[in-house]
Amino acid sequence: MGKRMLRVGNRIGVWLYKTSDGRLGSGSKDVHVLMLTTPGRHTGVPRSTCVRYLETADGLLVWGTGSGSRQDPDWFCNLRAAESTDVQIGAEHSQMRARELTGAERGTVWTDVILREDPGIGRFATKARRTIPVAVLEPLEE
């Protein structure tokens, strides 16, 4: 039932984001949300999801807590498999490539950037009992 509710919530969030050009996407001026549209890793069908992000000098950071689920969220698995993803922030779209952070780089970003911005995110890692994946979205060079 929990995964089903997350999917329904995601569909509503995507619809709100698309119809309002992101104005109704975050629920708070302090929380920044973007919409990713990435081909499904099995079907190739475009899948959209709204995720929280942080802007850094290297690009946009996204992380896959899956609300504390034991598995990485489907959207993150799709992102790993894709060559590029459409990123919508507000009404603006851009094509980006995801680079998953690993090892010490991931650990430093998780602790010094993500948890420093919002320590409450750590509760999802505790609940999930897995390493939460983190990626930086970088613009495709044209």
Foldseek 3Di string as FASTA:
>chain_A
DVVVVVVVVFVVLVVVCVVQLHPPNPVDPLWFKKKKWFQQLVHGHTDIGIFTWDQDPQAIKTWFLVQQALDGDRVVVRLVRGQWIWIGGRNDIAIWHKDKDDDPRLVCCVPVPVCVSPVVSVVSCVSNVDDIIMIGIGGDDD
